[in-house]
């Protein structure tokens, strides 16, 4: 390589300001690294900031402190059971063995604060699963601690807020959605927090009470502030410089000015997936080609992924994503995933033949994957239609359609999405399915619902299904017949909350080349990588848990702490 002039130098350069990148920054700084952290967007926090920020870490010290026992052997067995043959034993073990260490370190050495919660694994009947305490909820924080930086924190996704505006925590959200005992108090707390902050209301609609992803990223931002690390916003990675077997630097660009950074120990790619790139979706995700169906934020274009590929990095499972059925509201920058609404009683999903084709109450990843895998001529699933009756409409939310609020009070964009009919024959005509087929589907489902048993797809039999059921319904909390007119329908699409195929890494988050050899000094974590979970989604927080764990491992390995894995 010819002699090169460098504009600046560092030990560790981190690309991306989500949970994985910020965790890497904390870990590297604590090992006395000179850290540069860049973010190409105007805002910091990435997809992590828009998420619920639940963290899936088996056998954590927080679960243990809550009196809950776990076994890392069971956790590995569970992941392998649901991930199947495409899972990578090295990555699974690296995550399970080090996730606990990462969470303990961040709990004791940063502002990050979590609590273990009784939220079950997504497939709790699988071998090695647990009925709770592997998922963790971030502790809310006061956004005023961020000062002026609050303005640049990526806002929460509307799907993670009450009525698309009011922030809530996991426990209050569960109460409000299903109207569990205490939901009125939860509603009052949520609204009071928002409207009582009069000073902020005079300036902005945004809440200074930070929960979910905003709380996690806010806490991580405070942590890097204490270490003297700035986030260089609106700064994009445009070139990775490789010399022989290792990466030695990078070129970044800000406002049209390029600069070359000499990287001595590690370039950590934590830049998210490619879900918002139309060309890459057309190439790798033809079953879900429209970037507007994604619930992820718009900066995830896959540019860092392609740059890594240009210097020889290997990739895997580029046809995979963290799937979720989604509704796209005209004028919004991203879709609204249906995370929990499908499980609520009094609704079903049908394909373009008018048939049900899966258990609507499974987790969003399995639901979205069912939409992808069942799409076939004559029985298309893109779009599918989620149907509900007037009783459901009054009691529960359905994406952008709010409960207890007449349809005419919704925005024009939302009203335009909703099909309304006085009977199922009329609804069949409106959504374009066969009248007799749809009526037969409704009749069969209603008969089963009255008996409290879904003999076709076993809805409501899994512990996870029942988390988002209505406990006031005796028998099966996920089933009610659809009988009260008017009837409603929304078109839903196979959307996602990010891609989960990408760069191939080892147990230290070191990127591998196409021959399976580590590329020196090049690391990756988060949705830019081929997930340790394969195509599976073990539980709430199974994206952010590994992202933070492998960000932690990447920093430590780059600084010479971890032995090769």
Protein backbone atom coordinates (compact mmCIF):
# COMPACT_ATOMS: atom_id res chain seq x y z
CA UNK A 1 0.00 0.00 0.00
CA UNK A 2 1.48 3.41 -0.94
CA UNK A 3 2.26 5.87 1.83
CA UNK A 4 -0.91 7.67 2.87
CA UNK A 5 -1.49 10.98 4.58
CA UNK A 6 -3.87 10.76 7.52
CA UNK A 7 -5.96 13.65 8.81
CA UNK A 8 -6.30 12.17 12.28
CA UNK A 9 -5.90 8.92 14.13
CA UNK A 10 -7.55 6.85 16.84
CA UNK A 11 -7.44 3.44 18.42
CA UNK A 12 -11.09 2.56 17.79
CA UNK A 13 -13.41 4.07 15.20
CA UNK A 14 -17.08 3.22 15.71
CA UNK A 15 -19.64 3.65 12.93
CA UNK A 16 -23.20 4.02 14.23
CA UNK A 17 -24.68 5.43 17.44
CA UNK A 18 -27.18 2.70 18.35
CA UNK A 19 -26.94 0.47 21.41
CA UNK A 20 -24.19 -1.74 19.97
CA UNK A 21 -21.97 1.14 18.91
CA UNK A 22 -22.38 3.10 22.13
CA UNK A 23 -21.68 0.02 24.25
CA UNK A 24 -18.50 -0.55 22.23
CA UNK A 25 -17.52 3.07 22.88
CA UNK A 26 -17.94 2.67 26.64
CA UNK A 27 -15.99 -0.60 26.74
CA UNK A 28 -13.16 0.71 24.55
CA UNK A 29 -12.80 3.98 26.47
CA UNK A 30 -12.57 2.07 29.74
CA UNK A 31 -9.57 0.25 28.26
CA UNK A 32 -7.96 3.63 27.56
CA UNK A 33 -8.70 3.66 23.84
CA UNK A 34 -8.81 6.88 21.86
CA UNK A 35 -12.33 6.59 20.46
CA UNK A 36 -13.98 8.33 17.51
CA UNK A 37 -17.69 7.68 17.05
CA UNK A 38 -19.52 8.75 13.89
CA UNK A 39 -23.21 8.82 12.98
CA UNK A 40 -24.35 9.71 9.45
CA UNK A 41 -27.81 10.90 10.53
CA UNK A 42 -28.82 14.24 11.96
CA UNK A 43 -29.99 12.45 15.08
CA UNK A 44 -28.17 9.89 17.20
CA UNK A 45 -29.46 6.59 18.55
CA UNK A 46 -30.32 4.75 15.35
CA UNK A 47 -32.96 2.04 15.35
CA UNK A 48 -32.25 1.32 19.02
CA UNK A 49 -33.62 4.72 20.01
CA UNK A 50 -36.92 4.06 18.23
CA UNK A 51 -37.38 0.62 19.80
CA UNK A 52 -38.78 -0.58 23.10
CA UNK A 53 -35.15 -1.37 24.13
CA UNK A 54 -36.10 -4.56 25.93
CA UNK A 55 -32.90 -6.55 26.44
CA UNK A 56 -32.79 -10.37 26.18
CA UNK A 57 -29.91 -11.71 28.26
CA UNK A 58 -30.19 -15.19 29.81
CA UNK A 59 -28.92 -15.91 33.33
CA UNK A 60 -28.38 -12.26 34.20
CA UNK A 61 -27.30 -10.95 37.57
CA UNK A 62 -30.54 -8.93 37.63
CA UNK A 63 -32.69 -12.05 37.28
CA UNK A 64 -30.63 -13.71 39.97
CA UNK A 65 -31.14 -10.70 42.26
CA UNK A 66 -34.88 -11.06 41.65
CA UNK A 67 -34.68 -14.64 42.93
CA UNK A 68 -34.97 -16.25 39.48
CA UNK A 69 -32.74 -19.13 38.47
CA UNK A 70 -31.58 -19.70 34.91
CA UNK A 71 -29.08 -22.03 33.26
CA UNK A 72 -26.87 -20.93 30.36
CA UNK A 73 -26.91 -24.50 29.06
CA UNK A 74 -30.69 -24.26 28.77
CA UNK A 75 -30.39 -20.90 27.02
CA UNK A 76 -28.06 -22.38 24.38
CA UNK A 77 -30.39 -25.36 24.00
CA UNK A 78 -33.37 -23.05 23.51
CA UNK A 79 -31.72 -20.89 20.85
CA UNK A 80 -30.51 -23.94 18.95
CA UNK A 81 -33.95 -25.57 19.17
CA UNK A 82 -35.72 -22.65 17.51
CA UNK A 83 -32.90 -21.51 15.22
CA UNK A 84 -32.35 -24.92 13.64
CA UNK A 85 -29.51 -25.91 11.35
CA UNK A 86 -28.58 -22.35 10.37
CA UNK A 87 -27.54 -21.41 13.87
CA UNK A 88 -23.86 -20.93 14.66
CA UNK A 89 -22.77 -22.68 17.86
CA UNK A 90 -19.77 -20.38 18.31
CA UNK A 91 -21.86 -17.23 18.13
CA UNK A 92 -24.64 -18.61 20.31
CA UNK A 93 -22.21 -19.63 23.03
CA UNK A 94 -20.30 -16.36 22.79
CA UNK A 95 -23.52 -14.43 23.30
CA UNK A 96 -24.88 -16.55 26.15
CA UNK A 97 -21.54 -16.74 27.97
CA UNK A 98 -20.80 -13.03 27.66
CA UNK A 99 -24.24 -11.41 27.71
CA UNK A 100 -24.39 -11.71 31.47
CA UNK A 101 -20.90 -10.22 31.79
CA UNK A 102 -21.76 -7.32 29.48
CA UNK A 103 -24.94 -6.45 31.36
CA UNK A 104 -23.19 -6.65 34.72
CA UNK A 105 -20.36 -4.46 33.48
CA UNK A 106 -22.68 -1.83 32.02
CA UNK A 107 -24.85 -1.90 35.15
CA UNK A 108 -21.87 -1.22 37.39
CA UNK A 109 -19.71 1.03 35.19
CA UNK A 110 -22.15 3.14 33.19
CA UNK A 111 -25.48 4.94 33.47
CA UNK A 112 -27.29 1.99 31.88
CA UNK A 113 -29.93 0.62 34.24
CA UNK A 114 -32.26 -2.32 33.63
CA UNK A 115 -34.64 -4.53 35.61
CA UNK A 116 -35.42 -8.17 34.88
CA UNK A 117 -39.11 -8.70 34.09
CA UNK A 118 -41.55 -11.67 34.04
CA UNK A 119 -41.90 -11.61 30.26
CA UNK A 120 -41.77 -15.06 28.63
CA UNK A 121 -39.54 -16.22 25.82
CA UNK A 122 -41.32 -16.00 22.48
CA UNK A 123 -41.55 -19.78 22.15
CA UNK A 124 -41.90 -20.80 25.80
CA UNK A 125 -42.82 -24.40 25.03
CA UNK A 126 -39.49 -25.08 23.26
CA UNK A 127 -36.71 -27.00 25.05
CA UNK A 128 -34.68 -24.75 27.34
CA UNK A 129 -37.16 -21.84 27.26
CA UNK A 130 -38.15 -19.81 30.30
CA UNK A 131 -41.48 -18.28 31.28
CA UNK A 132 -39.81 -15.01 32.23
CA UNK A 133 -36.80 -13.03 33.51
CA UNK A 134 -34.54 -13.30 30.46
CA UNK A 135 -36.02 -10.08 29.12
CA UNK A 136 -35.12 -6.82 30.84
CA UNK A 137 -36.82 -3.41 30.76
CA UNK A 138 -34.74 -0.24 30.76
CA UNK A 139 -35.33 2.12 33.66
CA UNK A 140 -36.82 5.46 32.48
CA UNK A 141 -34.76 8.62 32.76
CA UNK A 142 -35.24 12.38 32.85
CA UNK A 143 -34.43 13.75 29.41
CA UNK A 144 -33.34 17.05 30.93
CA UNK A 145 -30.08 15.36 31.86
CA UNK A 146 -29.19 15.38 28.17
CA UNK A 147 -29.49 19.14 27.92
CA UNK A 148 -29.51 20.38 24.34
CA UNK A 149 -28.64 16.89 23.08
CA UNK A 150 -32.25 15.83 23.68
CA UNK A 151 -33.14 17.64 20.45
CA UNK A 152 -30.91 15.26 18.50
CA UNK A 153 -32.05 12.01 20.11
CA UNK A 154 -33.91 9.93 17.49
CA UNK A 155 -37.62 10.01 18.52
CA UNK A 156 -39.52 6.87 19.56
CA UNK A 157 -41.50 4.95 16.98
CA UNK A 158 -45.25 5.81 17.12
CA UNK A 159 -46.01 2.11 17.67
CA UNK A 160 -44.10 2.31 20.96
CA UNK A 161 -46.23 5.14 22.33
CA UNK A 162 -49.78 5.46 23.63
CA UNK A 163 -51.94 7.04 20.91
CA UNK A 164 -48.71 7.53 18.94
CA UNK A 165 -47.68 10.40 21.24
CA UNK A 166 -47.42 9.50 24.92
CA UNK A 167 -44.43 7.47 26.08
CA UNK A 168 -45.01 4.50 28.35
CA UNK A 169 -43.01 1.72 29.95
CA UNK A 170 -43.48 -2.00 29.33
CA UNK A 171 -45.62 -2.68 32.39
CA UNK A 172 -47.99 0.25 31.81
CA UNK A 173 -48.22 -0.60 28.11
CA UNK A 174 -49.30 -4.16 28.90
CA UNK A 175 -51.95 -2.91 31.32
CA UNK A 176 -53.33 -0.33 28.90
CA UNK A 177 -53.44 -2.52 25.81
CA UNK A 178 -55.35 -5.35 27.47
CA UNK A 179 -57.08 -3.27 30.14
CA UNK A 180 -55.70 -5.36 32.93
CA UNK A 181 -56.54 -4.30 36.49
CA UNK A 182 -54.81 -0.99 37.12
CA UNK A 183 -55.08 0.24 33.53
CA UNK A 184 -56.94 3.42 34.50
CA UNK A 185 -54.15 4.36 36.87
CA UNK A 186 -51.58 3.58 34.20
CA UNK A 187 -53.44 5.83 31.77
CA UNK A 188 -53.58 8.63 34.32
CA UNK A 189 -49.84 8.34 35.05
CA UNK A 190 -48.97 8.36 31.37
CA UNK A 191 -51.05 11.43 30.59
CA UNK A 192 -50.01 13.27 33.76
CA UNK A 193 -46.30 12.83 33.03
CA UNK A 194 -46.84 14.39 29.63
CA UNK A 195 -49.18 17.28 30.36
CA UNK A 196 -47.72 18.25 33.74
CA UNK A 197 -44.40 19.14 32.07
CA UNK A 198 -45.76 22.56 31.15
CA UNK A 199 -42.41 24.09 30.23
CA UNK A 200 -41.75 21.39 27.65
CA UNK A 201 -45.32 21.50 26.31
CA UNK A 202 -44.82 25.16 25.46
CA UNK A 203 -41.79 24.24 23.34
CA UNK A 204 -42.42 20.81 21.87
CA UNK A 205 -44.77 17.83 21.65
CA UNK A 206 -41.86 15.63 22.66
CA UNK A 207 -41.75 14.16 26.16
CA UNK A 208 -38.80 14.66 28.47
CA UNK A 209 -39.75 11.50 30.34
CA UNK A 210 -37.68 8.97 28.42
CA UNK A 211 -38.62 5.30 28.26
CA UNK A 212 -37.68 2.36 26.04
CA UNK A 213 -35.11 3.06 23.36
CA UNK A 214 -34.89 6.75 24.20
CA UNK A 215 -34.04 5.88 27.82
CA UNK A 216 -31.39 3.34 26.79
CA UNK A 217 -29.72 5.63 24.28
CA UNK A 218 -30.03 8.56 26.68
CA UNK A 219 -28.29 6.56 29.39
CA UNK A 220 -25.57 5.43 26.97
CA UNK A 221 -25.11 9.03 25.80
CA UNK A 222 -24.55 10.14 29.41
CA UNK A 223 -22.06 7.30 29.74
CA UNK A 224 -19.93 8.35 26.76
CA UNK A 225 -20.21 12.01 27.79
CA UNK A 226 -18.53 11.09 31.07
CA UNK A 227 -15.72 9.52 29.04
CA UNK A 228 -15.23 12.55 26.84
CA UNK A 229 -16.52 10.92 23.66
CA UNK A 230 -18.52 13.04 21.24
CA UNK A 231 -20.89 11.70 18.60
CA UNK A 232 -19.90 13.20 15.27
CA UNK A 233 -23.33 13.50 13.72
CA UNK A 234 -23.94 13.90 9.98
CA UNK A 235 -20.67 12.09 9.35
CA UNK A 236 -20.74 9.13 6.97
CA UNK A 237 -18.31 6.30 6.37
CA UNK A 238 -17.38 6.37 2.66
CA UNK A 239 -14.36 4.06 2.45
CA UNK A 240 -12.71 1.27 4.44
CA UNK A 241 -8.95 1.15 3.93
CA UNK A 242 -7.44 -2.32 4.05
CA UNK A 243 -3.71 -3.08 3.88
CA UNK A 244 -3.03 -6.77 3.42
CA UNK A 245 -4.76 -8.85 6.08
CA UNK A 246 -6.07 -5.95 8.13
CA UNK A 247 -7.99 -2.72 8.09
CA UNK A 248 -5.82 0.30 8.83
CA UNK A 249 -8.19 3.20 8.41
CA UNK A 250 -11.30 4.77 6.94
CA UNK A 251 -12.44 7.79 5.01
CA UNK A 252 -15.40 9.70 6.43
CA UNK A 253 -17.36 12.60 4.99
CA UNK A 254 -19.18 15.46 6.69
CA UNK A 255 -20.96 18.20 4.77
CA UNK A 256 -19.00 17.38 1.63
CA UNK A 257 -15.57 17.35 3.28
CA UNK A 258 -13.68 14.08 3.41
CA UNK A 259 -11.05 13.12 5.95
CA UNK A 260 -8.89 10.02 6.39
CA UNK A 261 -8.68 8.45 9.85
CA UNK A 262 -5.84 6.11 10.76
CA UNK A 263 -7.32 3.32 12.89
CA UNK A 264 -4.78 1.48 15.01
CA UNK A 265 -6.81 -1.22 16.73
CA UNK A 266 -10.40 -1.55 15.57
CA UNK A 267 -13.02 -0.30 13.13
CA UNK A 268 -16.39 -1.32 14.61
CA UNK A 269 -19.33 -1.32 12.20
CA UNK A 270 -22.57 -0.84 14.15
CA UNK A 271 -24.44 0.94 11.37
CA UNK A 272 -27.66 -1.08 11.17
CA UNK A 273 -29.11 -3.12 8.33
CA UNK A 274 -30.18 -2.37 4.77
CA UNK A 275 -33.97 -2.47 5.17
CA UNK A 276 -34.56 1.07 3.86
CA UNK A 277 -32.61 0.54 0.63
CA UNK A 278 -34.97 -0.25 -2.27
CA UNK A 279 -32.27 -1.72 -4.52
CA UNK A 280 -30.90 -4.05 -1.83
CA UNK A 281 -34.41 -5.13 -0.82
CA UNK A 282 -35.22 -5.93 -4.45
CA UNK A 283 -32.06 -8.03 -4.67
CA UNK A 284 -32.15 -9.82 -1.32
CA UNK A 285 -35.73 -9.49 0.01
CA UNK A 286 -37.93 -9.86 -3.08
CA UNK A 287 -40.73 -11.25 -0.92
CA UNK A 288 -40.88 -7.86 0.83
CA UNK A 289 -39.49 -5.34 -1.64
CA UNK A 290 -40.97 -2.06 -0.42
CA UNK A 291 -38.80 -0.03 2.03
CA UNK A 292 -41.97 1.73 3.22
CA UNK A 293 -43.11 -1.53 4.78
CA UNK A 294 -40.22 -1.38 7.21
CA UNK A 295 -40.74 0.03 10.68
CA UNK A 296 -37.07 0.97 10.90
CA UNK A 297 -35.61 4.45 10.64
CA UNK A 298 -34.64 5.81 7.24
CA UNK A 299 -30.84 5.90 7.58
CA UNK A 300 -30.46 2.13 7.38
CA UNK A 301 -29.38 1.96 3.75
CA UNK A 302 -26.72 -0.76 3.95
CA UNK A 303 -23.84 1.49 2.89
CA UNK A 304 -21.46 0.22 5.60
CA UNK A 305 -22.41 -3.36 4.68
CA UNK A 306 -21.50 -2.78 1.05
CA UNK A 307 -18.23 -1.08 1.99
CA UNK A 308 -17.26 -4.09 4.12
CA UNK A 309 -18.12 -6.43 1.25
CA UNK A 310 -15.87 -4.34 -1.01
CA UNK A 311 -12.84 -5.18 1.17
CA UNK A 312 -13.59 -8.92 1.16
CA UNK A 313 -16.04 -9.42 4.02
CA UNK A 314 -18.27 -12.49 3.86
CA UNK A 315 -22.05 -12.30 4.22
CA UNK A 316 -24.82 -14.74 5.08
CA UNK A 317 -28.63 -14.85 5.17
CA UNK A 318 -29.12 -11.56 3.34
CA UNK A 319 -32.65 -12.78 2.58
CA UNK A 320 -33.62 -12.64 6.25
CA UNK A 321 -35.12 -9.94 8.44
CA UNK A 322 -36.74 -9.37 11.80
CA UNK A 323 -40.20 -9.71 10.30
CA UNK A 324 -43.41 -8.05 11.49
CA UNK A 325 -46.87 -7.56 9.96
CA UNK A 326 -47.11 -3.87 9.23
CA UNK A 327 -49.50 -1.08 8.31
CA UNK A 328 -48.22 1.87 6.32
CA UNK A 329 -49.96 5.21 6.89
CA UNK A 330 -49.66 7.60 3.97
CA UNK A 331 -47.31 10.45 4.77
CA UNK A 332 -45.44 8.62 7.54
CA UNK A 333 -41.75 7.85 7.05
CA UNK A 334 -42.04 4.21 8.14
CA UNK A 335 -44.62 1.54 8.72
CA UNK A 336 -46.36 0.71 11.99
CA UNK A 337 -45.63 -2.89 12.96
CA UNK A 338 -48.47 -4.78 14.66
CA UNK A 339 -46.50 -5.99 17.66
CA UNK A 340 -49.36 -7.09 19.92
CA UNK A 341 -52.71 -6.18 18.35
CA UNK A 342 -53.01 -9.50 16.50
CA UNK A 343 -53.30 -11.39 19.79
CA UNK A 344 -56.24 -9.38 21.12
CA UNK A 345 -59.62 -11.15 21.02
CA UNK A 346 -62.13 -10.33 18.32
CA UNK A 347 -59.77 -10.15 15.33
CA UNK A 348 -58.36 -12.52 12.72
CA UNK A 349 -56.00 -12.35 9.72
CA UNK A 350 -56.97 -13.78 6.32
CA UNK A 351 -55.14 -14.14 3.03
CA UNK A 352 -56.42 -13.08 -0.39
CA UNK A 353 -58.44 -16.29 -0.62
CA UNK A 354 -60.30 -15.36 2.57
CA UNK A 355 -58.63 -18.08 4.69
CA UNK A 356 -56.78 -17.91 7.98
CA UNK A 357 -53.30 -19.38 7.63
CA UNK A 358 -51.50 -19.04 11.00
CA UNK A 359 -51.94 -18.37 14.70
CA UNK A 360 -52.33 -14.60 14.84
CA UNK A 361 -51.12 -14.41 18.47
CA UNK A 362 -47.57 -15.64 17.86
CA UNK A 363 -44.74 -13.14 18.20
CA UNK A 364 -44.38 -10.53 15.46
CA UNK A 365 -41.34 -12.19 13.87
CA UNK A 366 -43.13 -15.52 13.43
CA UNK A 367 -46.23 -13.68 12.22
CA UNK A 368 -44.30 -11.73 9.61
CA UNK A 369 -42.42 -14.84 8.56
CA UNK A 370 -45.73 -16.65 8.10
CA UNK A 371 -46.77 -13.89 5.72
CA UNK A 372 -43.56 -14.31 3.71
CA UNK A 373 -43.61 -18.12 3.64
CA UNK A 374 -47.31 -18.55 2.79
CA UNK A 375 -47.50 -16.13 -0.14
CA UNK A 376 -48.64 -18.12 -3.18
CA UNK A 377 -50.80 -17.61 -6.28
CA UNK A 378 -54.49 -17.62 -5.49
CA UNK A 379 -53.85 -17.26 -1.77
CA UNK A 380 -51.60 -14.23 -1.60
CA UNK A 381 -50.51 -12.89 1.77
CA UNK A 382 -49.03 -9.57 0.65
CA UNK A 383 -51.25 -7.92 1.52
CA UNK A 384 -53.24 -9.91 4.01
CA UNK A 385 -56.21 -8.42 5.85
CA UNK A 386 -56.74 -8.11 9.57
CA UNK A 387 -60.46 -8.16 10.37
CA UNK A 388 -62.15 -6.99 13.57
CA UNK A 389 -65.60 -6.05 14.73
CA UNK A 390 -67.13 -3.04 16.47
CA UNK A 391 -66.56 -4.56 19.90
CA UNK A 392 -62.84 -4.83 19.21
CA UNK A 393 -62.78 -1.34 17.72
CA UNK A 394 -64.22 0.10 20.93
CA UNK A 395 -61.99 -1.81 23.35
CA UNK A 396 -58.56 -2.21 21.76
CA UNK A 397 -56.06 -0.43 19.48
CA UNK A 398 -55.34 -1.74 15.99
CA UNK A 399 -52.21 -0.09 14.66
CA UNK A 400 -53.11 3.55 13.89
CA UNK A 401 -56.81 2.93 14.66
CA UNK A 402 -57.44 4.03 18.23
CA UNK A 403 -60.01 2.58 20.64
CA UNK A 404 -62.96 4.56 21.99
CA UNK A 405 -62.49 7.11 19.24
CA UNK A 406 -64.92 7.28 16.30
CA UNK A 407 -63.32 6.71 12.94
CA UNK A 408 -64.23 10.20 11.77
CA UNK A 409 -61.98 11.65 14.47
CA UNK A 410 -58.91 9.93 13.00
CA UNK A 411 -56.73 11.60 10.40
CA UNK A 412 -57.70 11.36 6.74
CA UNK A 413 -54.64 9.19 6.09
CA UNK A 414 -55.80 6.66 8.70
CA UNK A 415 -59.43 6.75 7.59
CA UNK A 416 -58.32 5.96 4.04
CA UNK A 417 -56.73 2.72 5.27
CA UNK A 418 -59.83 1.29 6.93
CA UNK A 419 -62.41 -0.86 5.14
CA UNK A 420 -65.84 -0.69 6.81
CA UNK A 421 -68.84 -2.93 6.08
CA UNK A 422 -72.18 -3.83 7.64
CA UNK A 423 -71.82 -7.55 6.94
CA UNK A 424 -69.12 -10.01 5.89
CA UNK A 425 -70.38 -10.32 2.34
CA UNK A 426 -69.96 -6.60 1.85
CA UNK A 427 -66.52 -6.78 3.47
CA UNK A 428 -65.50 -9.57 1.08
CA UNK A 429 -66.37 -7.32 -1.84
CA UNK A 430 -64.46 -4.40 -0.36
CA UNK A 431 -61.23 -6.33 0.18
CA UNK A 432 -61.59 -8.44 -2.95
CA UNK A 433 -61.97 -11.96 -1.59
CA UNK A 434 -64.57 -14.66 -2.28
CA UNK A 435 -67.79 -14.03 -0.31
CA UNK A 436 -68.54 -17.69 0.49
CA UNK A 437 -64.94 -18.43 1.47
CA UNK A 438 -64.71 -15.49 3.84
CA UNK A 439 -68.09 -16.24 5.40
CA UNK A 440 -67.04 -19.85 5.97
CA UNK A 441 -63.83 -18.67 7.64
CA UNK A 442 -65.71 -16.27 9.91
CA UNK A 443 -68.33 -18.89 10.81
CA UNK A 444 -65.72 -21.50 11.70
CA UNK A 445 -63.65 -19.08 13.75
CA UNK A 446 -66.69 -17.75 15.61
CA UNK A 447 -67.89 -21.26 16.48
CA UNK A 448 -64.44 -22.14 17.83
CA UNK A 449 -64.16 -18.86 19.72
CA UNK A 450 -67.42 -19.49 21.52
CA UNK A 451 -65.96 -22.80 22.68
CA UNK A 452 -62.72 -21.11 23.72
CA UNK A 453 -60.54 -23.29 21.51
CA UNK A 454 -58.88 -22.62 18.17
CA UNK A 455 -58.74 -26.12 16.70
CA UNK A 456 -57.08 -24.83 13.51
CA UNK A 457 -54.07 -22.93 14.84
CA UNK A 458 -54.17 -23.27 18.66
CA UNK A 459 -54.39 -19.55 19.29
CA UNK A 460 -54.29 -18.82 23.00
CA UNK A 461 -52.70 -22.09 24.07
CA UNK A 462 -49.15 -20.72 24.41
CA UNK A 463 -48.07 -18.71 27.43
CA UNK A 464 -46.70 -16.06 25.08
CA UNK A 465 -50.05 -15.82 23.24
CA UNK A 466 -51.81 -15.08 26.51
CA UNK A 467 -49.49 -12.20 27.46
CA UNK A 468 -51.47 -10.00 25.09
CA UNK A 469 -54.84 -11.61 25.66
CA UNK A 470 -57.63 -9.98 27.66
CA UNK A 471 -57.69 -11.53 31.15
CA UNK A 472 -61.32 -10.53 31.63
CA UNK A 473 -62.38 -13.15 29.08
CA UNK A 474 -63.04 -16.51 30.69
CA UNK A 475 -61.73 -19.57 28.92
CA UNK A 476 -59.39 -18.27 26.22
CA UNK A 477 -58.17 -14.65 26.57
CA UNK A 478 -57.20 -14.49 22.88
CA UNK A 479 -60.56 -15.49 21.39
CA UNK A 480 -63.86 -13.69 20.85
CA UNK A 481 -66.26 -14.14 17.94
CA UNK A 482 -66.49 -11.34 15.38
CA UNK A 483 -70.21 -10.60 15.54
CA UNK A 484 -70.88 -6.91 16.17
CA UNK A 485 -71.33 -4.66 13.13
CA UNK A 486 -69.93 -2.58 11.65
CA UNK A 487 -66.96 -4.71 10.69
CA UNK A 488 -63.50 -3.36 9.93
CA UNK A 489 -60.43 -4.44 7.96
CA UNK A 490 -56.91 -3.17 7.37
CA UNK A 491 -54.47 -4.30 4.69
CA UNK A 492 -51.23 -5.49 6.26
CA UNK A 493 -47.88 -6.23 4.64
CA UNK A 494 -44.83 -8.37 5.45
CA UNK A 495 -42.80 -5.61 7.05
CA UNK A 496 -39.86 -5.70 9.42
CA UNK A 497 -38.01 -3.88 12.17
CA UNK A 498 -34.63 -4.45 10.52
CA UNK A 499 -32.63 -6.98 8.57
CA UNK A 500 -30.82 -9.78 10.42
CA UNK A 501 -28.58 -11.12 7.68
CA UNK A 502 -25.26 -9.49 6.91
CA UNK A 503 -21.58 -9.69 7.73
CA UNK A 504 -20.22 -12.98 9.03
CA UNK A 505 -18.43 -12.61 12.35
CA UNK A 506 -16.71 -14.81 14.90
CA UNK A 507 -17.22 -14.98 18.65
CA UNK A 508 -15.26 -11.77 19.17
CA UNK A 509 -17.36 -9.86 16.59
CA UNK A 510 -14.34 -9.95 14.25
CA UNK A 511 -15.55 -9.84 10.61
CA UNK A 512 -14.56 -12.85 8.51
CA UNK A 513 -13.56 -12.83 4.87
CA UNK A 514 -14.96 -15.10 2.16
CA UNK A 515 -12.39 -17.76 3.09
CA UNK A 516 -13.50 -17.77 6.73
CA UNK A 517 -10.45 -15.87 8.01
CA UNK A 518 -10.69 -12.87 10.36
CA UNK A 519 -10.06 -9.50 8.73
CA UNK A 520 -7.70 -7.81 11.16
CA UNK A 521 -9.09 -4.78 13.02
CA UNK A 522 -12.55 -5.06 11.41
CA UNK A 523 -15.50 -5.74 13.72
CA UNK A 524 -19.28 -5.59 13.43
CA UNK A 525 -22.31 -5.84 15.68
CA UNK A 526 -26.07 -5.46 15.44
CA UNK A 527 -28.24 -5.67 12.35
CA UNK A 528 -25.33 -5.22 9.97
CA UNK A 529 -24.30 -8.79 10.87
CA UNK A 530 -25.67 -12.27 10.24
CA UNK A 531 -27.42 -12.71 13.58
CA UNK A 532 -26.21 -15.21 16.15
CA UNK A 533 -29.87 -16.26 16.37
CA UNK A 534 -30.01 -17.44 12.76
CA UNK A 535 -33.48 -16.71 11.44
CA UNK A 536 -35.08 -17.04 14.87
CA UNK A 537 -36.22 -14.49 17.44
CA UNK A 538 -35.90 -16.04 20.93
CA UNK A 539 -37.51 -13.33 23.04
CA UNK A 540 -38.16 -9.67 23.71
CA UNK A 541 -34.83 -7.88 23.30
CA UNK A 542 -33.08 -10.57 21.25
CA UNK A 543 -31.82 -7.93 18.81
CA UNK A 544 -30.43 -5.41 21.31
CA UNK A 545 -29.06 -8.02 23.73
CA UNK A 546 -26.63 -9.49 21.16
CA UNK A 547 -25.89 -6.04 19.67
CA UNK A 548 -24.66 -4.74 23.01
CA UNK A 549 -22.88 -7.99 23.87
CA UNK A 550 -20.93 -8.18 20.62
CA UNK A 551 -20.21 -4.44 20.75
CA UNK A 552 -18.69 -5.05 24.18
CA UNK A 553 -16.70 -8.03 22.91
CA UNK A 554 -15.52 -6.16 19.80
CA UNK A 555 -14.07 -3.32 21.87
CA UNK A 556 -12.35 -5.66 24.29
CA UNK A 557 -10.86 -7.83 21.56
CA UNK A 558 -9.67 -4.79 19.61
CA UNK A 559 -7.91 -3.57 22.75
CA UNK A 560 -6.28 -6.96 23.28
CA UNK A 561 -8.34 -8.16 26.24
CA UNK A 562 -10.29 -11.18 24.98
CA UNK A 563 -8.68 -14.38 23.84
CA UNK A 564 -9.67 -15.50 20.31
CA UNK A 565 -13.02 -17.30 20.25
